[in-house]
């Protein structure tokens, strides 16, 4: 065991709560949600299928 201790005035990242994830803010940043099954695959995009 070590005799050294570490003290900080700031709480640890994993202890402090995360900011709320507002759905409207996320949609404004990343765009609307799109279903994955409607996306064409890599081969379909390369050859212009669909």
Protein backbone atom coordinates (compact mmCIF):
# COMPACT_ATOMS: atom_id res chain seq x y z
CA UNK A 1 0.00 0.00 0.00
CA UNK A 2 1.21 3.48 -0.76
CA UNK A 3 1.37 6.34 1.71
CA UNK A 4 0.70 8.91 -1.03
CA UNK A 5 -2.80 10.31 -1.45
CA UNK A 6 -4.23 12.38 -4.26
CA UNK A 7 -6.68 15.18 -3.48
CA UNK A 8 -8.51 17.29 -6.00
CA UNK A 9 -11.20 19.92 -5.68
CA UNK A 10 -12.85 18.66 -8.86
CA UNK A 11 -14.97 15.48 -8.71
CA UNK A 12 -13.97 12.56 -10.88
CA UNK A 13 -15.50 12.23 -14.35
CA UNK A 14 -17.12 8.89 -13.57
CA UNK A 15 -18.74 10.21 -10.38
CA UNK A 16 -20.26 13.44 -11.66
CA UNK A 17 -23.55 13.09 -13.57
CA UNK A 18 -23.55 13.40 -17.34
CA UNK A 19 -25.46 16.26 -18.98
CA UNK A 20 -28.94 15.37 -20.21
CA UNK A 21 -29.24 14.28 -23.83
CA UNK A 22 -32.07 16.38 -25.22
CA UNK A 23 -33.55 14.62 -28.30
CA UNK A 24 -34.30 17.91 -30.06
CA UNK A 25 -30.72 19.08 -29.58
CA UNK A 26 -29.31 15.78 -30.83
CA UNK A 27 -31.57 15.93 -33.90
CA UNK A 28 -30.38 19.46 -34.63
CA UNK A 29 -26.73 18.37 -34.41
CA UNK A 30 -26.86 14.97 -36.13
CA UNK A 31 -29.98 15.22 -38.29
CA UNK A 32 -33.10 13.07 -38.14
CA UNK A 33 -32.99 9.39 -37.27
CA UNK A 34 -32.99 7.10 -40.29
CA UNK A 35 -33.81 3.40 -40.19
CA UNK A 36 -30.85 1.19 -41.06
CA UNK A 37 -32.80 -1.37 -43.08
CA UNK A 38 -33.71 1.21 -45.72
CA UNK A 39 -30.08 2.05 -46.49
CA UNK A 40 -28.67 0.31 -49.58
CA UNK A 41 -25.57 -1.80 -49.02
CA UNK A 42 -22.08 -1.04 -50.26
CA UNK A 43 -22.41 -3.10 -53.45
CA UNK A 44 -25.79 -1.52 -54.29
CA UNK A 45 -24.31 1.95 -53.85
CA UNK A 46 -21.25 1.15 -55.97
CA UNK A 47 -23.25 -0.21 -58.88
CA UNK A 48 -26.19 2.21 -58.57
CA UNK A 49 -28.69 -0.50 -57.80
CA UNK A 50 -32.05 0.21 -56.21
